[in-house]
Amino acid sequence: VFRKPGYKDTEVKVTPDKRAVVARLEPALVNVVIQVVDALAGVPINRALVSYKSLQNPLSEEKYFAMTDVNGQCSSTLPPGQYSFKVKKFGYRESIKNFQSRINRDNTVAFNLVLM
């Protein structure tokens, strides 16, 4: 078993005739939580669309993350790294925040949307 911080454990079976072994380590995933509230009223915003883009790869495309629930929250898993999150909701100004997700850390990003 190969172990490295920030990566999933990888098990490789080695037979007696092997001279070399290759292990491919996959990054561990972290749970990222997005919280969206109305900036003036302080109430959660339901059905806000959240997307993200990796900042580590300049050629990466914007991807769907999730839609907020009645509590103004949504979550999903991503590999640790730097991301740009965008929140859109009809009637509100779009908001963008950059965030560094890490293992063993609170990975919550809060957005306060302003009415148009």
PDB file of N, CA and C in Angstrom:
ATOM      1  N   VAL A   1       0.853  -1.182   0.000  1.00  0.00           N
ATOM      2  CA  VAL A   1       0.000   0.000   0.000  1.00  0.00           C
ATOM      3  C   VAL A   1       0.889   1.232   0.000  1.00  0.00           C
ATOM      4  N   PHE A   2       0.609   2.129  -0.936  1.00  0.00           N
ATOM      5  CA  PHE A   2       1.335   3.397  -1.012  1.00  0.00           C
ATOM      6  C   PHE A   2       0.459   4.474  -0.379  1.00  0.00           C
ATOM      7  N   ARG A   3       1.062   5.276   0.505  1.00  0.00           N
ATOM      8  CA  ARG A   3       0.345   6.371   1.162  1.00  0.00           C
ATOM      9  C   ARG A   3       1.148   7.650   1.013  1.00  0.00           C
ATOM     10  N   LYS A   4       0.420   8.734   0.683  1.00  0.00           N
ATOM     11  CA  LYS A   4       1.043  10.048   0.591  1.00  0.00           C
ATOM     12  C   LYS A   4      -0.014  11.064   1.003  1.00  0.00           C
ATOM     13  N   PRO A   5       0.338  12.025   1.857  1.00  0.00           N
ATOM     14  CA  PRO A   5      -0.654  13.025   2.259  1.00  0.00           C
ATOM     15  C   PRO A   5      -1.236  13.746   1.041  1.00  0.00           C
ATOM     16  N   GLY A   6      -2.575  13.886   1.052  1.00  0.00           N
ATOM     17  CA  GLY A   6      -3.254  14.547  -0.050  1.00  0.00           C
ATOM     18  C   GLY A   6      -3.682  13.606  -1.165  1.00  0.00           C
ATOM     19  N   TYR A   7      -3.373  12.312  -1.006  1.00  0.00           N
ATOM     20  CA  TYR A   7      -3.723  11.329  -2.033  1.00  0.00           C
ATOM     21  C   TYR A   7      -4.435  10.141  -1.407  1.00  0.00           C
ATOM     22  N   LYS A   8      -5.231   9.439  -2.214  1.00  0.00           N
ATOM     23  CA  LYS A   8      -5.893   8.219  -1.764  1.00  0.00           C
ATOM     24  C   LYS A   8      -4.843   7.116  -1.615  1.00  0.00           C
ATOM     25  N   ASP A   9      -5.073   6.211  -0.661  1.00  0.00           N
ATOM     26  CA  ASP A   9      -4.195   5.046  -0.537  1.00  0.00           C
ATOM     27  C   ASP A   9      -4.312   4.222  -1.818  1.00  0.00           C
ATOM     28  N   THR A  10      -3.178   3.716  -2.296  1.00  0.00           N
ATOM     29  CA  THR A  10      -3.148   2.907  -3.512  1.00  0.00           C
ATOM     30  C   THR A  10      -2.502   1.573  -3.199  1.00  0.00           C
ATOM     31  N   GLU A  11      -3.232   0.517  -3.515  1.00  0.00           N
ATOM     32  CA  GLU A  11      -2.716  -0.832  -3.272  1.00  0.00           C
ATOM     33  C   GLU A  11      -2.215  -1.416  -4.586  1.00  0.00           C
ATOM     34  N   VAL A  12      -0.986  -1.928  -4.563  1.00  0.00           N
ATOM     35  CA  VAL A  12      -0.395  -2.549  -5.740  1.00  0.00           C
ATOM     36  C   VAL A  12       0.050  -3.960  -5.359  1.00  0.00           C
ATOM     37  N   LYS A  13      -0.412  -4.948  -6.116  1.00  0.00           N
ATOM     38  CA  LYS A  13       0.000  -6.330  -5.861  1.00  0.00           C
ATOM     39  C   LYS A  13       1.291  -6.605  -6.618  1.00  0.00           C
ATOM     40  N   VAL A  14       2.272  -7.109  -5.907  1.00  0.00           N
ATOM     41  CA  VAL A  14       3.582  -7.378  -6.497  1.00  0.00           C
ATOM     42  C   VAL A  14       3.824  -8.881  -6.477  1.00  0.00           C
ATOM     43  N   THR A  15       4.075  -9.424  -7.664  1.00  0.00           N
ATOM     44  CA  THR A  15       4.379 -10.857  -7.766  1.00  0.00           C
ATOM     45  C   THR A  15       5.897 -11.047  -7.686  1.00  0.00           C
ATOM     46  N   PRO A  16       6.351 -12.233  -7.325  1.00  0.00           N
ATOM     47  CA  PRO A  16       7.793 -12.472  -7.157  1.00  0.00           C
ATOM     48  C   PRO A  16       8.628 -12.212  -8.414  1.00  0.00           C
ATOM     49  N   ASP A  17       8.023 -12.271  -9.600  1.00  0.00           N
ATOM     50  CA  ASP A  17       8.784 -12.079 -10.834  1.00  0.00           C
ATOM     51  C   ASP A  17       8.914 -10.602 -11.248  1.00  0.00           C
ATOM     52  N   LYS A  18       8.319  -9.696 -10.507  1.00  0.00           N
ATOM     53  CA  LYS A  18       8.375  -8.262 -10.846  1.00  0.00           C
ATOM     54  C   LYS A  18       9.667  -7.636 -10.340  1.00  0.00           C
ATOM     55  N   ARG A  19      10.282  -6.797 -11.182  1.00  0.00           N
ATOM     56  CA  ARG A  19      11.488  -6.059 -10.797  1.00  0.00           C
ATOM     57  C   ARG A  19      11.163  -4.591 -10.487  1.00  0.00           C
ATOM     58  N   ALA A  20      10.111  -4.109 -11.119  1.00  0.00           N
ATOM     59  CA  ALA A  20       9.711  -2.709 -10.913  1.00  0.00           C
ATOM     60  C   ALA A  20       8.199  -2.640 -10.755  1.00  0.00           C
ATOM     61  N   VAL A  21       7.768  -1.643 -10.016  1.00  0.00           N
ATOM     62  CA  VAL A  21       6.344  -1.452  -9.768  1.00  0.00           C
ATOM     63  C   VAL A  21       5.994   0.004 -10.065  1.00  0.00           C
ATOM     64  N   VAL A  22       4.854   0.200 -10.698  1.00  0.00           N
ATOM     65  CA  VAL A  22       4.363   1.553 -10.965  1.00  0.00           C
ATOM     66  C   VAL A  22       3.065   1.727 -10.185  1.00  0.00           C
ATOM     67  N   ALA A  23       3.001   2.799  -9.405  1.00  0.00           N
ATOM     68  CA  ALA A  23       1.784   3.105  -8.653  1.00  0.00           C
ATOM     69  C   ALA A  23       1.298   4.486  -9.073  1.00  0.00           C
ATOM     70  N   ARG A  24       0.050   4.566  -9.476  1.00  0.00           N
ATOM     71  CA  ARG A  24      -0.548   5.854  -9.834  1.00  0.00           C
ATOM     72  C   ARG A  24      -1.392   6.325  -8.660  1.00  0.00           C
ATOM     73  N   LEU A  25      -1.016   7.463  -8.106  1.00  0.00           N
ATOM     74  CA  LEU A  25      -1.729   7.991  -6.955  1.00  0.00           C
ATOM     75  C   LEU A  25      -2.779   9.003  -7.414  1.00  0.00           C
ATOM     76  N   GLU A  26      -3.991   8.847  -6.909  1.00  0.00           N
ATOM     77  CA  GLU A  26      -5.071   9.774  -7.227  1.00  0.00           C
ATOM     78  C   GLU A  26      -5.223  10.763  -6.084  1.00  0.00           C
ATOM     79  N   PRO A  27      -5.428  12.044  -6.407  1.00  0.00           N
ATOM     80  CA  PRO A  27      -5.616  13.027  -5.337  1.00  0.00           C
ATOM     81  C   PRO A  27      -6.851  12.682  -4.504  1.00  0.00           C
ATOM     82  N   ALA A  28      -6.749  12.910  -3.205  1.00  0.00           N
ATOM     83  CA  ALA A  28      -7.908  12.742  -2.337  1.00  0.00           C
ATOM     84  C   ALA A  28      -8.888  13.866  -2.647  1.00  0.00           C
ATOM     85  N   LEU A  29     -10.145  13.626  -2.399  1.00  0.00           N
ATOM     86  CA  LEU A  29     -11.153  14.642  -2.661  1.00  0.00           C
ATOM     87  C   LEU A  29     -11.538  15.331  -1.358  1.00  0.00           C
ATOM     88  N   VAL A  30     -11.881  16.608  -1.451  1.00  0.00           N
ATOM     89  CA  VAL A  30     -12.352  17.352  -0.287  1.00  0.00           C
ATOM     90  C   VAL A  30     -13.783  17.804  -0.560  1.00  0.00           C
ATOM     91  N   ASN A  31     -14.560  17.907   0.491  1.00  0.00           N
ATOM     92  CA  ASN A  31     -15.929  18.379   0.368  1.00  0.00           C
ATOM     93  C   ASN A  31     -15.931  19.900   0.460  1.00  0.00           C
ATOM     94  N   VAL A  32     -16.403  20.550  -0.595  1.00  0.00           N
ATOM     95  CA  VAL A  32     -16.486  22.008  -0.626  1.00  0.00           C
ATOM     96  C   VAL A  32     -17.955  22.397  -0.463  1.00  0.00           C
ATOM     97  N   VAL A  33     -18.219  23.298   0.485  1.00  0.00           N
ATOM     98  CA  VAL A  33     -19.580  23.769   0.762  1.00  0.00           C
ATOM     99  C   VAL A  33     -19.687  25.228   0.337  1.00  0.00           C
ATOM    100  N   ILE A  34     -20.738  25.540  -0.404  1.00  0.00           N
ATOM    101  CA  ILE A  34     -21.016  26.913  -0.822  1.00  0.00           C
ATOM    102  C   ILE A  34     -22.249  27.388  -0.061  1.00  0.00           C
ATOM    103  N   GLN A  35     -22.141  28.562   0.562  1.00  0.00           N
ATOM    104  CA  GLN A  35     -23.254  29.177   1.295  1.00  0.00           C
ATOM    105  C   GLN A  35     -23.600  30.487   0.595  1.00  0.00           C
ATOM    106  N   VAL A  36     -24.862  30.666   0.199  1.00  0.00           N
ATOM    107  CA  VAL A  36     -25.288  31.867  -0.515  1.00  0.00           C
ATOM    108  C   VAL A  36     -26.440  32.530   0.247  1.00  0.00           C
ATOM    109  N   VAL A  37     -26.257  33.812   0.586  1.00  0.00           N
ATOM    110  CA  VAL A  37     -27.299  34.560   1.282  1.00  0.00           C
ATOM    111  C   VAL A  37     -27.516  35.920   0.627  1.00  0.00           C
ATOM    112  N   ASP A  38     -28.679  36.490   0.856  1.00  0.00           N
ATOM    113  CA  ASP A  38     -28.995  37.838   0.403  1.00  0.00           C
ATOM    114  C   ASP A  38     -28.212  38.805   1.278  1.00  0.00           C
ATOM    115  N   ALA A  39     -27.445  39.706   0.667  1.00  0.00           N
ATOM    116  CA  ALA A  39     -26.558  40.605   1.406  1.00  0.00           C
ATOM    117  C   ALA A  39     -27.314  41.542   2.341  1.00  0.00           C
ATOM    118  N   LEU A  40     -28.498  41.999   1.946  1.00  0.00           N
ATOM    119  CA  LEU A  40     -29.252  42.946   2.773  1.00  0.00           C
ATOM    120  C   LEU A  40     -30.116  42.261   3.820  1.00  0.00           C
ATOM    121  N   ALA A  41     -30.866  41.256   3.404  1.00  0.00           N
ATOM    122  CA  ALA A  41     -31.802  40.591   4.310  1.00  0.00           C
ATOM    123  C   ALA A  41     -31.139  39.507   5.158  1.00  0.00           C
ATOM    124  N   GLY A  42     -30.008  38.975   4.690  1.00  0.00           N
ATOM    125  CA  GLY A  42     -29.320  37.911   5.423  1.00  0.00           C
ATOM    126  C   GLY A  42     -30.006  36.562   5.347  1.00  0.00           C
ATOM    127  N   VAL A  43     -30.956  36.411   4.413  1.00  0.00           N
ATOM    128  CA  VAL A  43     -31.673  35.144   4.275  1.00  0.00           C
ATOM    129  C   VAL A  43     -31.015  34.280   3.197  1.00  0.00           C
ATOM    130  N   PRO A  44     -31.107  32.956   3.342  1.00  0.00           N
ATOM    131  CA  PRO A  44     -30.523  32.054   2.342  1.00  0.00           C
ATOM    132  C   PRO A  44     -31.197  32.225   0.985  1.00  0.00           C
ATOM    133  N   ILE A  45     -30.424  32.033  -0.070  1.00  0.00           N
ATOM    134  CA  ILE A  45     -30.950  32.126  -1.434  1.00  0.00           C
ATOM    135  C   ILE A  45     -31.032  30.722  -2.023  1.00  0.00           C
ATOM    136  N   ASN A  46     -32.256  30.324  -2.337  1.00  0.00           N
ATOM    137  CA  ASN A  46     -32.536  29.008  -2.903  1.00  0.00           C
ATOM    138  C   ASN A  46     -32.349  29.033  -4.424  1.00  0.00           C
ATOM    139  N   ARG A  47     -31.898  27.931  -4.976  1.00  0.00           N
ATOM    140  CA  ARG A  47     -31.774  27.715  -6.426  1.00  0.00           C
ATOM    141  C   ARG A  47     -30.799  28.671  -7.107  1.00  0.00           C
ATOM    142  N   ALA A  48     -29.741  29.048  -6.415  1.00  0.00           N
ATOM    143  CA  ALA A  48     -28.658  29.823  -7.043  1.00  0.00           C
ATOM    144  C   ALA A  48     -27.747  28.824  -7.754  1.00  0.00           C
ATOM    145  N   LEU A  49     -27.317  29.163  -8.944  1.00  0.00           N
ATOM    146  CA  LEU A  49     -26.472  28.288  -9.747  1.00  0.00           C
ATOM    147  C   LEU A  49     -25.003  28.558  -9.427  1.00  0.00           C
ATOM    148  N   VAL A  50     -24.275  27.504  -9.071  1.00  0.00           N
ATOM    149  CA  VAL A  50     -22.861  27.625  -8.714  1.00  0.00           C
ATOM    150  C   VAL A  50     -22.023  26.859  -9.725  1.00  0.00           C
ATOM    151  N   SER A  51     -21.006  27.526 -10.259  1.00  0.00           N
ATOM    152  CA  SER A  51     -20.064  26.886 -11.179  1.00  0.00           C
ATOM    153  C   SER A  51     -18.657  27.168 -10.682  1.00  0.00           C
ATOM    154  N   TYR A  52     -17.681  26.454 -11.248  1.00  0.00           N
ATOM    155  CA  TYR A  52     -16.292  26.635 -10.826  1.00  0.00           C
ATOM    156  C   TYR A  52     -15.353  26.436 -12.001  1.00  0.00           C
ATOM    157  N   LYS A  53     -14.147  26.936 -11.807  1.00  0.00           N
ATOM    158  CA  LYS A  53     -13.083  26.780 -12.793  1.00  0.00           C
ATOM    159  C   LYS A  53     -11.782  26.600 -12.023  1.00  0.00           C
ATOM    160  N   SER A  54     -10.971  25.665 -12.461  1.00  0.00           N
ATOM    161  CA  SER A  54      -9.670  25.454 -11.826  1.00  0.00           C
ATOM    162  C   SER A  54      -8.731  26.600 -12.195  1.00  0.00           C
ATOM    163  N   LEU A  55      -8.046  27.136 -11.215  1.00  0.00           N
ATOM    164  CA  LEU A  55      -7.069  28.199 -11.477  1.00  0.00           C
ATOM    165  C   LEU A  55      -5.668  27.634 -11.709  1.00  0.00           C
ATOM    166  N   GLN A  56      -5.511  26.340 -11.511  1.00  0.00           N
ATOM    167  CA  GLN A  56      -4.212  25.702 -11.693  1.00  0.00           C
ATOM    168  C   GLN A  56      -3.930  25.412 -13.160  1.00  0.00           C
ATOM    169  N   ASN A  57      -5.006  25.302 -13.943  1.00  0.00           N
ATOM    170  CA  ASN A  57      -4.862  25.040 -15.365  1.00  0.00           C
ATOM    171  C   ASN A  57      -5.526  26.182 -16.128  1.00  0.00           C
ATOM    172  N   PRO A  58      -4.752  27.058 -16.765  1.00  0.00           N
ATOM    173  CA  PRO A  58      -5.335  28.217 -17.452  1.00  0.00           C
ATOM    174  C   PRO A  58      -6.282  27.851 -18.599  1.00  0.00           C
ATOM    175  N   LEU A  59      -6.206  26.634 -19.096  1.00  0.00           N
ATOM    176  CA  LEU A  59      -7.074  26.204 -20.195  1.00  0.00           C
ATOM    177  C   LEU A  59      -8.343  25.510 -19.719  1.00  0.00           C
ATOM    178  N   SER A  60      -8.521  25.391 -18.412  1.00  0.00           N
ATOM    179  CA  SER A  60      -9.698  24.690 -17.900  1.00  0.00           C
ATOM    180  C   SER A  60     -10.966  25.487 -18.184  1.00  0.00           C
ATOM    181  N   GLU A  61     -12.057  24.765 -18.374  1.00  0.00           N
ATOM    182  CA  GLU A  61     -13.345  25.391 -18.672  1.00  0.00           C
ATOM    183  C   GLU A  61     -14.187  25.483 -17.403  1.00  0.00           C
ATOM    184  N   GLU A  62     -15.136  26.402 -17.415  1.00  0.00           N
ATOM    185  CA  GLU A  62     -16.062  26.530 -16.302  1.00  0.00           C
ATOM    186  C   GLU A  62     -16.971  25.305 -16.267  1.00  0.00           C
ATOM    187  N   LYS A  63     -17.187  24.755 -15.065  1.00  0.00           N
ATOM    188  CA  LYS A  63     -18.000  23.547 -14.910  1.00  0.00           C
ATOM    189  C   LYS A  63     -19.100  23.774 -13.879  1.00  0.00           C
ATOM    190  N   TYR A  64     -20.177  23.058 -14.049  1.00  0.00           N
ATOM    191  CA  TYR A  64     -21.289  23.102 -13.103  1.00  0.00           C
ATOM    192  C   TYR A  64     -20.823  22.496 -11.788  1.00  0.00           C
ATOM    193  N   PHE A  65     -21.137  23.156 -10.666  1.00  0.00           N
ATOM    194  CA  PHE A  65     -20.808  22.639  -9.335  1.00  0.00           C
ATOM    195  C   PHE A  65     -22.069  22.072  -8.684  1.00  0.00           C
ATOM    196  N   ALA A  66     -23.076  22.936  -8.474  1.00  0.00           N
ATOM    197  CA  ALA A  66     -24.335  22.506  -7.862  1.00  0.00           C
ATOM    198  C   ALA A  66     -25.303  23.680  -7.831  1.00  0.00           C
ATOM    199  N   MET A  67     -26.517  23.420  -7.341  1.00  0.00           N
ATOM    200  CA  MET A  67     -27.511  24.465  -7.146  1.00  0.00           C
ATOM    201  C   MET A  67     -27.850  24.483  -5.663  1.00  0.00           C
ATOM    202  N   THR A  68     -28.005  25.681  -5.109  1.00  0.00           N
ATOM    203  CA  THR A  68     -28.275  25.790  -3.677  1.00  0.00           C
ATOM    204  C   THR A  68     -29.667  25.258  -3.326  1.00  0.00           C
ATOM    205  N   ASP A  69     -29.774  24.773  -2.077  1.00  0.00           N
ATOM    206  CA  ASP A  69     -31.042  24.252  -1.575  1.00  0.00           C
ATOM    207  C   ASP A  69     -31.788  25.349  -0.809  1.00  0.00           C
ATOM    208  N   VAL A  70     -32.834  24.992  -0.091  1.00  0.00           N
ATOM    209  CA  VAL A  70     -33.648  25.974   0.635  1.00  0.00           C
ATOM    210  C   VAL A  70     -32.860  26.664   1.747  1.00  0.00           C
ATOM    211  N   ASN A  71     -31.760  26.069   2.179  1.00  0.00           N
ATOM    212  CA  ASN A  71     -30.904  26.671   3.202  1.00  0.00           C
ATOM    213  C   ASN A  71     -29.796  27.527   2.585  1.00  0.00           C
ATOM    214  N   GLY A  72     -29.829  27.693   1.258  1.00  0.00           N
ATOM    215  CA  GLY A  72     -28.814  28.489   0.575  1.00  0.00           C
ATOM    216  C   GLY A  72     -27.474  27.790   0.475  1.00  0.00           C
ATOM    217  N   GLN A  73     -27.463  26.464   0.633  1.00  0.00           N
ATOM    218  CA  GLN A  73     -26.207  25.712   0.610  1.00  0.00           C
ATOM    219  C   GLN A  73     -26.203  24.665  -0.490  1.00  0.00           C
ATOM    220  N   CYS A  74     -24.999  24.337  -0.933  1.00  0.00           N
ATOM    221  CA  CYS A  74     -24.779  23.199  -1.812  1.00  0.00           C
ATOM    222  C   CYS A  74     -23.360  22.712  -1.556  1.00  0.00           C
ATOM    223  N   SER A  75     -23.102  21.475  -1.906  1.00  0.00           N
ATOM    224  CA  SER A  75     -21.758  20.943  -1.703  1.00  0.00           C
ATOM    225  C   SER A  75     -21.452  19.889  -2.759  1.00  0.00           C
ATOM    226  N   SER A  76     -20.163  19.677  -2.945  1.00  0.00           N
ATOM    227  CA  SER A  76     -19.675  18.650  -3.863  1.00  0.00           C
ATOM    228  C   SER A  76     -18.216  18.393  -3.517  1.00  0.00           C
ATOM    229  N   THR A  77     -17.650  17.359  -4.091  1.00  0.00           N
ATOM    230  CA  THR A  77     -16.254  17.044  -3.824  1.00  0.00           C
ATOM    231  C   THR A  77     -15.387  17.446  -5.008  1.00  0.00           C
ATOM    232  N   LEU A  78     -14.207  17.950  -4.681  1.00  0.00           N
ATOM    233  CA  LEU A  78     -13.211  18.348  -5.674  1.00  0.00           C
ATOM    234  C   LEU A  78     -11.835  17.960  -5.159  1.00  0.00           C
ATOM    235  N   PRO A  79     -10.861  17.780  -6.053  1.00  0.00           N
ATOM    236  CA  PRO A  79      -9.494  17.589  -5.588  1.00  0.00           C
ATOM    237  C   PRO A  79      -8.998  18.869  -4.914  1.00  0.00           C
ATOM    238  N   PRO A  80      -8.085  18.759  -3.958  1.00  0.00           N
ATOM    239  CA  PRO A  80      -7.529  19.979  -3.354  1.00  0.00           C
ATOM    240  C   PRO A  80      -6.912  20.852  -4.443  1.00  0.00           C
ATOM    241  N   GLY A  81      -7.064  22.169  -4.316  1.00  0.00           N
ATOM    242  CA  GLY A  81      -6.490  23.065  -5.309  1.00  0.00           C
ATOM    243  C   GLY A  81      -7.119  24.440  -5.280  1.00  0.00           C
ATOM    244  N   GLN A  82      -6.738  25.258  -6.245  1.00  0.00           N
ATOM    245  CA  GLN A  82      -7.241  26.623  -6.343  1.00  0.00           C
ATOM    246  C   GLN A  82      -8.363  26.680  -7.381  1.00  0.00           C
ATOM    247  N   TYR A  83      -9.473  27.296  -6.976  1.00  0.00           N
ATOM    248  CA  TYR A  83     -10.644  27.369  -7.840  1.00  0.00           C
ATOM    249  C   TYR A  83     -11.230  28.772  -7.826  1.00  0.00           C
ATOM    250  N   SER A  84     -11.918  29.097  -8.908  1.00  0.00           N
ATOM    251  CA  SER A  84     -12.709  30.311  -8.988  1.00  0.00           C
ATOM    252  C   SER A  84     -14.166  29.853  -9.026  1.00  0.00           C
ATOM    253  N   PHE A  85     -14.949  30.253  -8.003  1.00  0.00           N
ATOM    254  CA  PHE A  85     -16.362  29.896  -7.935  1.00  0.00           C
ATOM    255  C   PHE A  85     -17.204  31.084  -8.381  1.00  0.00           C
ATOM    256  N   LYS A  86     -18.267  30.794  -9.141  1.00  0.00           N
ATOM    257  CA  LYS A  86     -19.180  31.832  -9.622  1.00  0.00           C
ATOM    258  C   LYS A  86     -20.596  31.452  -9.198  1.00  0.00           C
ATOM    259  N   VAL A  87     -21.334  32.437  -8.659  1.00  0.00           N
ATOM    260  CA  VAL A  87     -22.719  32.212  -8.260  1.00  0.00           C
ATOM    261  C   VAL A  87     -23.613  33.152  -9.057  1.00  0.00           C
ATOM    262  N   LYS A  88     -24.677  32.570  -9.647  1.00  0.00           N
ATOM    263  CA  LYS A  88     -25.649  33.340 -10.428  1.00  0.00           C
ATOM    264  C   LYS A  88     -27.054  33.057  -9.894  1.00  0.00           C
ATOM    265  N   LYS A  89     -27.845  34.116  -9.815  1.00  0.00           N
ATOM    266  CA  LYS A  89     -29.258  33.990  -9.454  1.00  0.00           C
ATOM    267  C   LYS A  89     -29.994  35.149 -10.106  1.00  0.00           C
ATOM    268  N   PHE A  90     -31.093  34.861 -10.802  1.00  0.00           N
ATOM    269  CA  PHE A  90     -31.853  35.895 -11.478  1.00  0.00           C
ATOM    270  C   PHE A  90     -32.283  36.953 -10.465  1.00  0.00           C
ATOM    271  N   GLY A  91     -32.061  38.225 -10.808  1.00  0.00           N
ATOM    272  CA  GLY A  91     -32.430  39.325  -9.935  1.00  0.00           C
ATOM    273  C   GLY A  91     -31.295  39.800  -9.043  1.00  0.00           C
ATOM    274  N   TYR A  92     -30.195  39.036  -9.025  1.00  0.00           N
ATOM    275  CA  TYR A  92     -29.024  39.378  -8.207  1.00  0.00           C
ATOM    276  C   TYR A  92     -27.803  39.583  -9.095  1.00  0.00           C
ATOM    277  N   ARG A  93     -26.848  40.346  -8.593  1.00  0.00           N
ATOM    278  CA  ARG A  93     -25.579  40.503  -9.305  1.00  0.00           C
ATOM    279  C   ARG A  93     -24.761  39.224  -9.156  1.00  0.00           C
ATOM    280  N   GLU A  94     -24.146  38.823 -10.246  1.00  0.00           N
ATOM    281  CA  GLU A  94     -23.254  37.658 -10.247  1.00  0.00           C
ATOM    282  C   GLU A  94     -22.086  37.924  -9.302  1.00  0.00           C
ATOM    283  N   SER A  95     -21.626  36.884  -8.617  1.00  0.00           N
ATOM    284  CA  SER A  95     -20.508  37.034  -7.682  1.00  0.00           C
ATOM    285  C   SER A  95     -19.461  35.953  -7.952  1.00  0.00           C
ATOM    286  N   ILE A  96     -18.188  36.344  -7.884  1.00  0.00           N
ATOM    287  CA  ILE A  96     -17.074  35.415  -8.126  1.00  0.00           C
ATOM    288  C   ILE A  96     -16.100  35.507  -6.957  1.00  0.00           C
ATOM    289  N   LYS A  97     -15.632  34.346  -6.490  1.00  0.00           N
ATOM    290  CA  LYS A  97     -14.615  34.286  -5.434  1.00  0.00           C
ATOM    291  C   LYS A  97     -13.607  33.211  -5.769  1.00  0.00           C
ATOM    292  N   ASN A  98     -12.335  33.503  -5.500  1.00  0.00           N
ATOM    293  CA  ASN A  98     -11.279  32.504  -5.622  1.00  0.00           C
ATOM    294  C   ASN A  98     -11.105  31.835  -4.272  1.00  0.00           C
ATOM    295  N   PHE A  99     -10.816  30.524  -4.304  1.00  0.00           N
ATOM    296  CA  PHE A  99     -10.722  29.759  -3.066  1.00  0.00           C
ATOM    297  C   PHE A  99      -9.714  28.634  -3.212  1.00  0.00           C
ATOM    298  N   GLN A 100      -8.934  28.409  -2.172  1.00  0.00           N
ATOM    299  CA  GLN A 100      -7.962  27.308  -2.110  1.00  0.00           C
ATOM    300  C   GLN A 100      -8.554  26.215  -1.231  1.00  0.00           C
ATOM    301  N   SER A 101      -8.926  25.080  -1.829  1.00  0.00           N
ATOM    302  CA  SER A 101      -9.453  23.967  -1.033  1.00  0.00           C
ATOM    303  C   SER A 101      -8.289  23.104  -0.547  1.00  0.00           C
ATOM    304  N   ARG A 102      -8.417  22.646   0.703  1.00  0.00           N
ATOM    305  CA  ARG A 102      -7.344  21.846   1.309  1.00  0.00           C
ATOM    306  C   ARG A 102      -7.920  20.693   2.102  1.00  0.00           C
ATOM    307  N   ILE A 103      -7.137  19.648   2.249  1.00  0.00           N
ATOM    308  CA  ILE A 103      -7.511  18.504   3.069  1.00  0.00           C
ATOM    309  C   ILE A 103      -7.416  18.915   4.535  1.00  0.00           C
ATOM    310  N   ASN A 104      -8.314  18.361   5.359  1.00  0.00           N
ATOM    311  CA  ASN A 104      -8.344  18.617   6.803  1.00  0.00           C
ATOM    312  C   ASN A 104      -8.524  20.092   7.133  1.00  0.00           C
ATOM    313  N   ARG A 105      -9.414  20.762   6.409  1.00  0.00           N
ATOM    314  CA  ARG A 105      -9.695  22.173   6.645  1.00  0.00           C
ATOM    315  C   ARG A 105     -11.164  22.439   6.333  1.00  0.00           C
ATOM    316  N   ASP A 106     -11.711  23.485   6.937  1.00  0.00           N
ATOM    317  CA  ASP A 106     -13.075  23.885   6.608  1.00  0.00           C
ATOM    318  C   ASP A 106     -13.053  24.473   5.201  1.00  0.00           C
ATOM    319  N   ASN A 107     -13.726  23.832   4.284  1.00  0.00           N
ATOM    320  CA  ASN A 107     -13.745  24.264   2.892  1.00  0.00           C
ATOM    321  C   ASN A 107     -15.103  24.870   2.540  1.00  0.00           C
ATOM    322  N   THR A 108     -15.490  25.902   3.293  1.00  0.00           N
ATOM    323  CA  THR A 108     -16.750  26.588   3.065  1.00  0.00           C
ATOM    324  C   THR A 108     -16.483  27.948   2.440  1.00  0.00           C
ATOM    325  N   VAL A 109     -17.221  28.249   1.381  1.00  0.00           N
ATOM    326  CA  VAL A 109     -17.115  29.539   0.706  1.00  0.00           C
ATOM    327  C   VAL A 109     -18.463  30.236   0.843  1.00  0.00           C
ATOM    328  N   ALA A 110     -18.457  31.441   1.415  1.00  0.00           N
ATOM    329  CA  ALA A 110     -19.690  32.187   1.637  1.00  0.00           C
ATOM    330  C   ALA A 110     -19.833  33.309   0.609  1.00  0.00           C
ATOM    331  N   PHE A 111     -21.031  33.433   0.047  1.00  0.00           N
ATOM    332  CA  PHE A 111     -21.339  34.480  -0.917  1.00  0.00           C
ATOM    333  C   PHE A 111     -22.503  35.316  -0.386  1.00  0.00           C
ATOM    334  N   ASN A 112     -22.382  36.621  -0.469  1.00  0.00           N
ATOM    335  CA  ASN A 112     -23.454  37.562  -0.135  1.00  0.00           C
ATOM    336  C   ASN A 112     -23.856  38.244  -1.431  1.00  0.00           C
ATOM    337  N   LEU A 113     -25.014  37.858  -1.968  1.00  0.00           N
ATOM    338  CA  LEU A 113     -25.458  38.427  -3.240  1.00  0.00           C
ATOM    339  C   LEU A 113     -26.242  39.715  -3.034  1.00  0.00           C
ATOM    340  N   VAL A 114     -26.051  40.643  -3.966  1.00  0.00           N
ATOM    341  CA  VAL A 114     -26.690  41.949  -3.923  1.00  0.00           C
ATOM    342  C   VAL A 114     -27.732  42.013  -5.030  1.00  0.00           C
ATOM    343  N   LEU A 115     -28.920  42.537  -4.680  1.00  0.00           N
ATOM    344  CA  LEU A 115     -29.975  42.697  -5.685  1.00  0.00           C
ATOM    345  C   LEU A 115     -29.528  43.657  -6.772  1.00  0.00           C
ATOM    346  N   MET A 116     -30.039  43.459  -7.985  1.00  0.00           N
ATOM    347  CA  MET A 116     -29.728  44.359  -9.099  1.00  0.00           C
ATOM    348  C   MET A 116     -30.524  45.631  -8.968  1.00  0.00           C
TER     349      MET A 116
END
